[in-house]
Amino acid sequence: MTISEIQSQIIGEFSMFDDWMDKYNYLIELGKTLPLIDEQYKTDQFVITGCQSKVWLHASIRDGIVYFTADSDAIITKGIVGLLVRVFSGQTPDEIIKADLSFVDTIGLREHLSPTRSNGLSSMIKQMKLYAAVFKMKNNC
């Protein structure tokens, strides 16, 4: 499934909820289904800086496809990183680098986050795209 198709799915899922309390609850539920990061990656080396909560992110590449695993110590943040893992995992480095994550604004996520959580969201996206850029560079050498 392409990044655009996944974003459309997410937009559809969030459109089922009228109020932001329901959307937050849905984010929390999504966080519970996040494929957890292996404990060996829950170290400071894999913490995303710029997040209010602790967020661990690990990326790997197999056959030109990037896979992410993550975890957080905060339930809403765990749901947010879960959305990003869902969008980016299983894509090529180029697709990740070029992705315009319009779903974030379409579902109103950024405007309903505190400034520190919004900064954390930007940090997560930046880190995932950075992993993709490094994988692309390594594969082109």
N, C-alpha and C. Protein backbone atom coordinates (compact mmCIF):
# COMPACT_ATOMS: atom_id res chain seq x y z
N MET A 1 0.85 -1.18 0.00
CA MET A 1 0.00 0.00 0.00
C MET A 1 0.90 1.24 0.00
N THR A 2 0.52 2.24 -0.77
CA THR A 2 1.33 3.46 -0.86
C THR A 2 1.09 4.36 0.36
N ILE A 3 1.97 5.32 0.53
CA ILE A 3 1.83 6.28 1.62
C ILE A 3 0.52 7.05 1.46
N SER A 4 0.18 7.43 0.25
CA SER A 4 -1.08 8.16 0.00
C SER A 4 -2.29 7.31 0.38
N GLU A 5 -2.26 6.04 0.04
CA GLU A 5 -3.38 5.15 0.37
C GLU A 5 -3.52 4.98 1.88
N ILE A 6 -2.40 4.85 2.57
CA ILE A 6 -2.44 4.71 4.03
C ILE A 6 -2.97 5.99 4.66
N GLN A 7 -2.51 7.14 4.17
CA GLN A 7 -3.01 8.41 4.69
C GLN A 7 -4.52 8.53 4.48
N SER A 8 -5.01 8.12 3.32
CA SER A 8 -6.45 8.16 3.05
C SER A 8 -7.22 7.28 4.03
N GLN A 9 -6.67 6.12 4.33
CA GLN A 9 -7.29 5.22 5.32
C GLN A 9 -7.39 5.91 6.67
N ILE A 10 -6.30 6.51 7.10
CA ILE A 10 -6.26 7.18 8.40
C ILE A 10 -7.26 8.33 8.44
N ILE A 11 -7.32 9.12 7.37
CA ILE A 11 -8.27 10.23 7.30
C ILE A 11 -9.70 9.69 7.44
N GLY A 12 -9.98 8.59 6.75
CA GLY A 12 -11.30 7.96 6.84
C GLY A 12 -11.62 7.49 8.25
N GLU A 13 -10.65 6.89 8.90
CA GLU A 13 -10.84 6.39 10.28
C GLU A 13 -11.14 7.55 11.23
N PHE A 14 -10.38 8.63 11.12
CA PHE A 14 -10.57 9.76 12.02
C PHE A 14 -11.85 10.54 11.72
N SER A 15 -12.33 10.46 10.48
CA SER A 15 -13.56 11.18 10.13
C SER A 15 -14.79 10.55 10.77
N MET A 16 -14.65 9.35 11.27
CA MET A 16 -15.78 8.68 11.94
C MET A 16 -16.08 9.31 13.31
N PHE A 17 -15.13 10.09 13.82
CA PHE A 17 -15.29 10.69 15.15
C PHE A 17 -15.58 12.17 15.02
N ASP A 18 -16.59 12.63 15.75
CA ASP A 18 -16.97 14.04 15.70
C ASP A 18 -16.18 14.89 16.68
N ASP A 19 -15.81 14.31 17.78
CA ASP A 19 -15.20 15.12 18.84
C ASP A 19 -13.80 14.64 19.14
N TRP A 20 -12.97 15.60 19.59
CA TRP A 20 -11.56 15.28 19.77
C TRP A 20 -11.28 14.35 20.95
N MET A 21 -12.17 14.26 21.89
CA MET A 21 -11.96 13.27 22.97
C MET A 21 -12.02 11.86 22.38
N ASP A 22 -12.95 11.65 21.44
CA ASP A 22 -13.05 10.34 20.78
C ASP A 22 -11.81 10.07 19.93
N LYS A 23 -11.31 11.12 19.29
CA LYS A 23 -10.10 10.96 18.47
C LYS A 23 -8.88 10.64 19.34
N TYR A 24 -8.79 11.29 20.50
CA TYR A 24 -7.70 10.97 21.43
C TYR A 24 -7.81 9.53 21.91
N ASN A 25 -9.02 9.09 22.22
CA ASN A 25 -9.22 7.70 22.63
C ASN A 25 -8.82 6.74 21.52
N TYR A 26 -9.12 7.10 20.28
CA TYR A 26 -8.73 6.26 19.15
C TYR A 26 -7.21 6.21 19.03
N LEU A 27 -6.55 7.36 19.21
CA LEU A 27 -5.08 7.40 19.20
C LEU A 27 -4.50 6.47 20.26
N ILE A 28 -5.10 6.49 21.45
CA ILE A 28 -4.65 5.62 22.54
C ILE A 28 -4.80 4.16 22.14
N GLU A 29 -5.93 3.82 21.51
CA GLU A 29 -6.15 2.44 21.05
C GLU A 29 -5.13 2.04 19.99
N LEU A 30 -4.83 2.97 19.08
CA LEU A 30 -3.83 2.69 18.05
C LEU A 30 -2.46 2.42 18.69
N GLY A 31 -2.15 3.16 19.73
CA GLY A 31 -0.88 2.96 20.42
C GLY A 31 -0.76 1.58 21.02
N LYS A 32 -1.88 1.01 21.42
CA LYS A 32 -1.86 -0.34 22.01
C LYS A 32 -1.57 -1.41 20.97
N THR A 33 -1.77 -1.09 19.69
CA THR A 33 -1.52 -2.08 18.64
C THR A 33 -0.15 -1.89 17.97
N LEU A 34 0.60 -0.91 18.43
CA LEU A 34 1.92 -0.62 17.86
C LEU A 34 2.85 -1.81 18.06
N PRO A 35 3.46 -2.30 16.95
CA PRO A 35 4.46 -3.36 17.12
C PRO A 35 5.62 -2.80 17.94
N LEU A 36 5.85 -3.38 19.08
CA LEU A 36 6.84 -2.81 20.01
C LEU A 36 8.26 -2.98 19.54
N ILE A 37 9.03 -2.00 19.89
CA ILE A 37 10.46 -2.01 19.63
C ILE A 37 11.11 -3.06 20.52
N ASP A 38 12.12 -3.72 20.00
CA ASP A 38 12.87 -4.69 20.79
C ASP A 38 13.53 -3.97 21.96
N GLU A 39 13.53 -4.59 23.11
CA GLU A 39 14.08 -3.97 24.33
C GLU A 39 15.51 -3.47 24.16
N GLN A 40 16.29 -4.11 23.29
CA GLN A 40 17.68 -3.67 23.09
C GLN A 40 17.77 -2.27 22.49
N TYR A 41 16.67 -1.80 21.88
CA TYR A 41 16.66 -0.46 21.28
C TYR A 41 16.02 0.59 22.18
N LYS A 42 15.63 0.20 23.38
CA LYS A 42 15.06 1.17 24.32
C LYS A 42 16.17 1.77 25.16
N THR A 43 17.09 2.41 24.44
CA THR A 43 18.22 3.07 25.08
C THR A 43 18.26 4.52 24.59
N ASP A 44 19.08 5.32 25.24
CA ASP A 44 19.19 6.74 24.88
C ASP A 44 19.59 6.94 23.42
N GLN A 45 20.33 6.00 22.87
CA GLN A 45 20.78 6.10 21.48
C GLN A 45 19.59 6.17 20.52
N PHE A 46 18.45 5.58 20.89
CA PHE A 46 17.29 5.52 20.01
C PHE A 46 16.15 6.44 20.43
N VAL A 47 16.39 7.29 21.42
CA VAL A 47 15.39 8.25 21.86
C VAL A 47 15.35 9.42 20.88
N ILE A 48 14.15 9.84 20.54
CA ILE A 48 13.99 11.00 19.65
C ILE A 48 14.07 12.26 20.50
N THR A 49 15.03 13.10 20.17
CA THR A 49 15.15 14.36 20.90
C THR A 49 14.09 15.33 20.41
N GLY A 50 13.61 16.17 21.29
CA GLY A 50 12.59 17.14 20.92
C GLY A 50 11.19 16.71 21.32
N CYS A 51 11.08 15.52 21.87
CA CYS A 51 9.77 15.04 22.32
C CYS A 51 9.63 15.27 23.82
N GLN A 52 8.44 15.64 24.23
CA GLN A 52 8.15 15.86 25.65
C GLN A 52 8.24 14.53 26.41
N SER A 53 7.73 13.48 25.79
CA SER A 53 7.78 12.14 26.38
C SER A 53 8.98 11.40 25.80
N LYS A 54 9.27 10.26 26.37
CA LYS A 54 10.32 9.42 25.78
C LYS A 54 9.71 8.66 24.61
N VAL A 55 10.37 8.77 23.47
CA VAL A 55 9.96 8.02 22.28
C VAL A 55 11.22 7.33 21.74
N TRP A 56 11.13 6.02 21.63
CA TRP A 56 12.23 5.25 21.07
C TRP A 56 11.84 4.85 19.66
N LEU A 57 12.78 4.97 18.73
CA LEU A 57 12.51 4.64 17.33
C LEU A 57 13.69 3.87 16.77
N HIS A 58 13.39 2.76 16.14
CA HIS A 58 14.43 1.97 15.47
C HIS A 58 14.01 1.74 14.03
N ALA A 59 14.96 1.82 13.13
CA ALA A 59 14.70 1.57 11.71
C ALA A 59 15.66 0.51 11.19
N SER A 60 15.14 -0.29 10.28
CA SER A 60 15.98 -1.27 9.59
C SER A 60 15.56 -1.27 8.13
N ILE A 61 16.42 -1.81 7.29
CA ILE A 61 16.10 -1.89 5.87
C ILE A 61 16.38 -3.31 5.39
N ARG A 62 15.41 -3.85 4.67
CA ARG A 62 15.55 -5.19 4.08
C ARG A 62 15.05 -5.12 2.64
N ASP A 63 15.89 -5.54 1.71
CA ASP A 63 15.53 -5.56 0.30
C ASP A 63 15.02 -4.19 -0.18
N GLY A 64 15.64 -3.12 0.29
CA GLY A 64 15.29 -1.78 -0.16
C GLY A 64 14.05 -1.19 0.48
N ILE A 65 13.49 -1.88 1.47
CA ILE A 65 12.27 -1.42 2.16
C ILE A 65 12.62 -1.11 3.61
N VAL A 66 12.14 0.03 4.11
CA VAL A 66 12.43 0.47 5.47
C VAL A 66 11.31 0.00 6.41
N TYR A 67 11.73 -0.47 7.57
CA TYR A 67 10.78 -0.92 8.61
C TYR A 67 11.11 -0.19 9.91
N PHE A 68 10.07 0.30 10.56
CA PHE A 68 10.23 1.01 11.82
C PHE A 68 9.54 0.26 12.94
N THR A 69 10.15 0.33 14.12
CA THR A 69 9.48 -0.08 15.36
C THR A 69 9.68 1.07 16.34
N ALA A 70 8.76 1.19 17.27
CA ALA A 70 8.82 2.33 18.19
C ALA A 70 8.08 2.00 19.49
N ASP A 71 8.26 2.88 20.45
CA ASP A 71 7.53 2.81 21.71
C ASP A 71 7.61 4.18 22.36
N SER A 72 6.73 4.43 23.29
CA SER A 72 6.75 5.67 24.06
C SER A 72 6.26 5.38 25.46
N ASP A 73 6.65 6.24 26.38
CA ASP A 73 6.18 6.10 27.76
C ASP A 73 4.89 6.89 28.00
N ALA A 74 4.34 7.52 26.96
CA ALA A 74 3.10 8.28 27.08
C ALA A 74 2.07 7.72 26.09
N ILE A 75 0.85 7.51 26.54
CA ILE A 75 -0.12 6.78 25.72
C ILE A 75 -0.54 7.52 24.44
N ILE A 76 -0.72 8.81 24.49
CA ILE A 76 -1.11 9.54 23.27
C ILE A 76 0.08 9.61 22.31
N THR A 77 1.26 9.85 22.84
CA THR A 77 2.46 9.89 22.01
C THR A 77 2.71 8.55 21.35
N LYS A 78 2.41 7.48 22.07
CA LYS A 78 2.56 6.14 21.51
C LYS A 78 1.62 5.97 20.32
N GLY A 79 0.41 6.51 20.41
CA GLY A 79 -0.52 6.46 19.30
C GLY A 79 -0.05 7.28 18.12
N ILE A 80 0.53 8.44 18.39
CA ILE A 80 1.04 9.31 17.33
C ILE A 80 2.19 8.62 16.58
N VAL A 81 3.15 8.09 17.32
CA VAL A 81 4.27 7.42 16.66
C VAL A 81 3.75 6.16 15.95
N GLY A 82 2.71 5.54 16.49
CA GLY A 82 2.09 4.39 15.83
C GLY A 82 1.54 4.75 14.46
N LEU A 83 0.91 5.93 14.37
CA LEU A 83 0.41 6.40 13.07
C LEU A 83 1.56 6.57 12.08
N LEU A 84 2.64 7.18 12.55
CA LEU A 84 3.79 7.42 11.66
C LEU A 84 4.45 6.11 11.23
N VAL A 85 4.56 5.16 12.15
CA VAL A 85 5.12 3.85 11.80
C VAL A 85 4.23 3.19 10.74
N ARG A 86 2.93 3.30 10.93
CA ARG A 86 1.98 2.72 9.97
C ARG A 86 2.15 3.34 8.58
N VAL A 87 2.37 4.63 8.51
CA VAL A 87 2.51 5.32 7.23
C VAL A 87 3.85 5.00 6.56
N PHE A 88 4.92 5.02 7.33
CA PHE A 88 6.27 4.91 6.75
C PHE A 88 6.82 3.50 6.64
N SER A 89 6.44 2.59 7.53
CA SER A 89 6.99 1.24 7.50
C SER A 89 6.54 0.53 6.23
N GLY A 90 7.46 -0.18 5.61
CA GLY A 90 7.14 -0.91 4.39
C GLY A 90 7.29 -0.09 3.12
N GLN A 91 7.92 1.08 3.24
CA GLN A 91 8.12 1.97 2.10
C GLN A 91 9.62 2.04 1.76
N THR A 92 9.91 2.54 0.57
CA THR A 92 11.31 2.72 0.19
C THR A 92 11.84 4.02 0.80
N PRO A 93 13.15 4.15 0.91
CA PRO A 93 13.70 5.41 1.42
C PRO A 93 13.22 6.63 0.62
N ASP A 94 13.20 6.52 -0.70
CA ASP A 94 12.75 7.64 -1.54
C ASP A 94 11.31 8.05 -1.22
N GLU A 95 10.43 7.06 -1.09
CA GLU A 95 9.02 7.35 -0.79
C GLU A 95 8.89 8.07 0.56
N ILE A 96 9.68 7.65 1.53
CA ILE A 96 9.63 8.27 2.86
C ILE A 96 10.15 9.71 2.80
N ILE A 97 11.27 9.90 2.13
CA ILE A 97 11.88 11.22 2.03
C ILE A 97 10.93 12.21 1.35
N LYS A 98 10.28 11.77 0.28
CA LYS A 98 9.42 12.65 -0.52
C LYS A 98 8.02 12.81 0.06
N ALA A 99 7.65 12.02 1.04
CA ALA A 99 6.27 12.00 1.54
C ALA A 99 5.84 13.34 2.12
N ASP A 100 4.67 13.75 1.72
CA ASP A 100 4.01 14.93 2.28
C ASP A 100 2.92 14.38 3.20
N LEU A 101 3.10 14.53 4.47
CA LEU A 101 2.17 13.94 5.43
C LEU A 101 0.96 14.85 5.65
N SER A 102 0.16 14.98 4.62
CA SER A 102 -1.00 15.87 4.67
C SER A 102 -2.06 15.39 5.66
N PHE A 103 -2.07 14.09 5.97
CA PHE A 103 -3.09 13.57 6.87
C PHE A 103 -3.02 14.22 8.26
N VAL A 104 -1.82 14.62 8.67
CA VAL A 104 -1.63 15.22 10.00
C VAL A 104 -2.51 16.46 10.15
N ASP A 105 -2.51 17.31 9.12
CA ASP A 105 -3.32 18.52 9.18
C ASP A 105 -4.78 18.24 8.81
N THR A 106 -5.00 17.31 7.89
CA THR A 106 -6.37 16.98 7.47
C THR A 106 -7.20 16.47 8.63
N ILE A 107 -6.62 15.62 9.48
CA ILE A 107 -7.39 15.11 10.62
C ILE A 107 -7.36 16.09 11.80
N GLY A 108 -6.59 17.16 11.67
CA GLY A 108 -6.54 18.18 12.73
C GLY A 108 -5.63 17.83 13.88
N LEU A 109 -4.74 16.88 13.66
CA LEU A 109 -3.88 16.41 14.76
C LEU A 109 -2.98 17.52 15.30
N ARG A 110 -2.27 18.17 14.41
CA ARG A 110 -1.30 19.18 14.86
C ARG A 110 -1.98 20.29 15.66
N GLU A 111 -3.15 20.74 15.21
CA GLU A 111 -3.83 21.84 15.90
C GLU A 111 -4.42 21.44 17.25
N HIS A 112 -4.56 20.12 17.49
CA HIS A 112 -5.11 19.66 18.76
C HIS A 112 -4.04 19.12 19.72
N LEU A 113 -2.79 19.35 19.37
CA LEU A 113 -1.69 18.95 20.25
C LEU A 113 -1.14 20.19 20.96
N SER A 114 -0.61 19.98 22.13
CA SER A 114 0.08 21.07 22.82
C SER A 114 1.31 21.43 21.99
N PRO A 115 1.84 22.64 22.16
CA PRO A 115 3.03 23.02 21.39
C PRO A 115 4.20 22.04 21.56
N THR A 116 4.38 21.51 22.77
CA THR A 116 5.50 20.58 22.96
C THR A 116 5.23 19.25 22.25
N ARG A 117 3.98 18.78 22.26
CA ARG A 117 3.66 17.55 21.53
C ARG A 117 3.75 17.77 20.03
N SER A 118 3.36 18.94 19.57
CA SER A 118 3.46 19.26 18.15
C SER A 118 4.93 19.28 17.71
N ASN A 119 5.79 19.84 18.55
CA ASN A 119 7.23 19.80 18.28
C ASN A 119 7.74 18.36 18.24
N GLY A 120 7.22 17.55 19.16
CA GLY A 120 7.60 16.14 19.19
C GLY A 120 7.19 15.41 17.92
N LEU A 121 5.99 15.70 17.42
CA LEU A 121 5.51 15.12 16.17
C LEU A 121 6.47 15.48 15.04
N SER A 122 6.84 16.74 14.96
CA SER A 122 7.79 17.18 13.92
C SER A 122 9.14 16.47 14.08
N SER A 123 9.58 16.28 15.32
CA SER A 123 10.85 15.58 15.57
C SER A 123 10.77 14.12 15.13
N MET A 124 9.63 13.48 15.36
CA MET A 124 9.46 12.08 14.95
C MET A 124 9.54 11.96 13.43
N ILE A 125 8.82 12.84 12.74
CA ILE A 125 8.81 12.82 11.27
C ILE A 125 10.23 13.08 10.74
N LYS A 126 10.89 14.07 11.31
CA LYS A 126 12.25 14.41 10.89
C LYS A 126 13.19 13.22 11.08
N GLN A 127 13.09 12.54 12.23
CA GLN A 127 13.97 11.40 12.50
C GLN A 127 13.71 10.24 11.54
N MET A 128 12.44 9.99 11.23
CA MET A 128 12.11 8.90 10.32
C MET A 128 12.63 9.20 8.91
N LYS A 129 12.51 10.45 8.49
CA LYS A 129 13.01 10.83 7.17
C LYS A 129 14.54 10.80 7.15
N LEU A 130 15.16 11.13 8.28
CA LEU A 130 16.62 11.06 8.38
C LEU A 130 17.11 9.62 8.25
N TYR A 131 16.44 8.69 8.93
CA TYR A 131 16.78 7.27 8.77
C TYR A 131 16.70 6.88 7.29
N ALA A 132 15.62 7.29 6.63
CA ALA A 132 15.43 6.95 5.21
C ALA A 132 16.56 7.53 4.36
N ALA A 133 16.95 8.77 4.65
CA ALA A 133 18.03 9.41 3.89
C ALA A 133 19.35 8.67 4.07
N VAL A 134 19.62 8.23 5.29
CA VAL A 134 20.86 7.49 5.56
C VAL A 134 20.84 6.15 4.80
N PHE A 135 19.70 5.45 4.84
CA PHE A 135 19.59 4.18 4.11
C PHE A 135 19.77 4.40 2.61
N LYS A 136 19.20 5.47 2.09
CA LYS A 136 19.34 5.77 0.66
C LYS A 136 20.80 6.03 0.31
N MET A 137 21.47 6.82 1.14
CA MET A 137 22.87 7.14 0.90
C MET A 137 23.74 5.88 0.94
N LYS A 138 23.50 5.02 1.93
CA LYS A 138 24.29 3.79 2.06
C LYS A 138 24.08 2.87 0.86
N ASN A 139 22.85 2.81 0.35
CA ASN A 139 22.57 1.91 -0.78
C ASN A 139 23.09 2.44 -2.10
N ASN A 140 23.29 3.76 -2.20
CA ASN A 140 23.81 4.35 -3.44
C ASN A 140 25.33 4.30 -3.52
N CYS A 141 25.99 3.99 -2.40
CA CYS A 141 27.45 3.97 -2.40
C CYS A 141 28.00 2.71 -3.04
